[in-house]
Protein backbone atom coordinates (compact mmCIF):
# COMPACT_ATOMS: atom_id res chain seq x y z
CA MET A 1 48.67 175.26 -32.81
CA THR A 2 51.90 175.44 -30.90
CA ASP A 3 52.87 172.68 -28.52
CA SER A 4 52.85 174.18 -25.03
CA GLY A 5 52.54 171.04 -22.96
CA LEU A 6 49.46 169.82 -24.80
CA THR A 7 48.58 166.15 -24.68
CA ASP A 8 47.74 164.06 -27.73
CA LEU A 9 44.08 164.25 -26.65
CA ASP A 10 44.31 168.06 -26.51
CA LYS A 11 45.69 168.17 -30.04
CA LYS A 12 43.20 165.65 -31.37
CA TRP A 13 40.27 167.55 -29.80
CA PHE A 14 41.56 170.89 -31.10
CA ASP A 15 41.96 169.57 -34.65
CA PHE A 16 38.56 167.86 -34.59
CA THR A 17 36.55 170.81 -33.30
CA SER A 18 38.47 173.58 -35.06
CA ALA A 19 37.57 172.03 -38.42
CA TYR A 20 34.00 173.21 -37.82
CA VAL A 21 35.17 176.69 -36.86
CA THR A 22 37.08 176.77 -40.15
CA LYS A 23 33.96 175.69 -42.00
CA LEU A 24 31.98 178.47 -40.28
CA SER A 25 34.73 180.98 -41.10
CA LYS A 26 34.36 180.21 -44.80
CA THR A 27 30.83 181.67 -44.58
CA GLY A 28 32.10 184.92 -43.13
CA GLY A 29 32.00 183.52 -39.62
CA HIS A 30 28.37 184.26 -38.77
CA ASP A 31 26.21 181.99 -40.95
CA TRP A 32 25.47 179.33 -38.36
CA ASP A 33 22.69 177.98 -40.57
CA SER A 34 25.31 176.85 -43.09
CA LEU A 35 26.39 174.17 -40.58
CA SER A 36 24.55 171.08 -39.48
CA GLU A 37 23.30 171.00 -35.89
CA GLU A 38 26.29 168.89 -34.81
CA GLU A 39 28.73 171.16 -36.63
CA GLN A 40 27.18 174.22 -34.93
CA GLU A 41 27.61 172.56 -31.56
CA LEU A 42 31.24 171.62 -32.13
CA ALA A 43 32.19 175.04 -33.53
CA ALA A 44 30.49 176.71 -30.56
CA LEU A 45 32.19 174.34 -28.13
CA TRP A 46 35.59 175.22 -29.59
CA LYS A 47 34.82 178.94 -29.28
CA LEU A 48 33.58 178.45 -25.72
CA GLU A 49 36.60 176.47 -24.61
CA MET A 50 39.13 178.77 -26.28
CA ASP A 51 37.63 181.95 -24.85
CA MET A 52 36.70 180.62 -21.43
CA TYR A 53 40.31 179.57 -20.84
CA ASN A 54 41.63 182.80 -22.34
CA GLY A 55 39.46 185.64 -21.07
CA GLY A 56 36.37 184.03 -19.58
CA PHE A 57 32.67 184.18 -20.26
CA ILE A 58 32.53 187.88 -21.12
CA GLN A 59 35.16 187.36 -23.80
CA PHE A 60 33.25 184.37 -25.16
CA PHE A 61 29.85 186.05 -25.20
CA CYS A 62 31.03 189.44 -26.44
CA ASN A 63 33.12 187.85 -29.20
CA TRP A 64 30.50 185.40 -30.47
CA GLY A 65 27.05 186.40 -29.23
CA TYR A 66 23.82 184.74 -28.29
CA ASP A 67 23.60 182.26 -31.18
CA CYS A 68 27.00 180.81 -30.37
CA TYR A 69 26.04 180.68 -26.69
CA THR A 70 22.86 178.71 -27.45
CA HIS A 71 24.76 176.26 -29.66
CA ALA A 72 27.31 175.80 -26.87
CA VAL A 73 24.51 175.18 -24.36
CA ARG A 74 23.01 172.56 -26.66
CA CYS A 75 26.43 170.90 -27.00
CA LEU A 76 27.13 170.86 -23.27
CA THR A 77 23.68 169.40 -22.72
CA LYS A 78 24.41 166.57 -25.18
CA LEU A 79 27.79 165.98 -23.56
CA GLN A 80 26.15 165.90 -20.13
CA ALA A 81 28.82 168.41 -19.09
CA ASN A 82 26.57 169.55 -16.29
CA GLU A 83 29.11 171.52 -14.30
CA CYS A 84 30.16 173.61 -17.31
CA LEU A 85 26.55 174.02 -18.38
CA ASP A 86 25.52 175.22 -14.93
CA ILE A 87 28.37 177.73 -14.84
CA ILE A 88 27.73 179.34 -18.22
CA THR A 89 23.96 179.47 -17.71
CA GLN A 90 24.56 181.25 -14.40
CA GLN A 91 26.89 183.64 -16.20
CA TYR A 92 24.36 184.33 -18.92
CA SER A 93 21.70 185.01 -16.29
CA ILE A 94 23.93 187.78 -14.94
CA ILE A 95 24.21 189.60 -18.28
CA GLU A 96 20.73 188.76 -19.56
CA ARG A 97 19.24 191.89 -17.99
CA LEU A 98 21.23 193.95 -20.52
CA GLY A 99 19.63 192.23 -23.51
CA GLU A 100 17.18 195.04 -24.21
CA ASP A 101 19.34 197.88 -22.90
CA ASP A 102 19.27 200.77 -25.37
CA ARG A 103 22.75 201.87 -24.31
CA LEU A 104 24.29 198.82 -25.95
CA THR A 105 25.46 199.35 -29.50
CA ALA A 106 27.71 196.28 -29.56
CA LEU A 107 28.20 193.20 -27.41
CA TRP A 108 31.47 194.60 -26.12
CA ASP A 109 29.45 197.38 -24.45
CA ILE A 110 28.16 194.81 -21.94
CA PRO A 111 31.13 195.06 -19.55
CA LYS A 112 30.63 198.83 -19.23
CA TYR A 113 27.21 198.32 -17.68
CA LEU A 114 27.93 195.50 -15.26
CA THR A 115 27.91 196.27 -11.58
CA GLU A 116 30.93 195.52 -9.45
CA GLU A 117 29.03 192.61 -7.89
CA GLU A 118 28.13 191.19 -11.30
CA THR A 119 31.73 191.45 -12.49
CA LYS A 120 32.92 189.69 -9.34
CA ALA A 121 30.33 186.91 -9.75
CA LEU A 122 31.32 186.39 -13.41
CA ASP A 123 34.98 186.20 -12.41
CA GLU A 124 34.27 183.65 -9.68
CA LEU A 125 32.28 181.54 -12.13
CA ASP A 126 35.14 181.76 -14.66
CA HIS A 127 37.44 180.29 -12.01
CA ARG A 128 34.95 177.50 -11.35
CA TYR A 129 34.86 176.75 -15.08
CA TRP A 130 38.65 176.56 -15.21
CA ASP A 131 38.55 173.95 -12.42
CA ASN A 132 35.61 171.92 -13.79
CA THR A 133 35.76 168.14 -13.90
CA ASP A 134 33.45 167.55 -16.87
CA SER A 135 36.08 165.92 -19.12
CA ILE A 136 34.91 167.89 -22.17
CA GLN A 137 37.46 166.37 -24.52
CA GLU A 138 36.66 162.76 -23.71
CA LYS A 139 32.94 163.39 -23.80
CA THR A 140 33.26 165.15 -27.16
CA PHE A 141 34.67 162.01 -28.74
CA GLN A 142 32.13 159.78 -26.97
CA VAL A 143 29.19 161.80 -28.29
CA TYR A 144 30.48 163.18 -31.61
CA GLY A 145 33.21 160.68 -32.49
CA TYR A 146 31.13 159.28 -35.34
CA LEU A 147 31.80 162.56 -37.22
CA GLN A 148 35.54 161.92 -37.41
CA GLN A 149 36.77 161.32 -40.91
């Protein structure tokens, strides 16, 4: 991780949560059952945070899928990160209608079938997420700090 104005807390959080992504990667990246519930949550939180601040919810969901989304929801619930939780559940509700769409052959097909209004709503919610005040990093250590080695 390059230092681009990151605080010590940023680096500490990144190192802590990315360890669980690394553990998941050793299983091929998709065997969520190989992780404990807490490890699933922290790996999903890392993926959520990295993608939300990079490309937004569509990038997160299309990269990682429903299982990762549900683990992230469970984590945000434990963290009581209610603003973030509200935003991503609203975003999921926008794409949920495509869940059984026969035109989808991969998650990255989702953006092709969104209406202009849906795309705009997702973008607005991404901006709300970027401005959230949930203090994810601090809450992560308050709730999961006992896992630190």
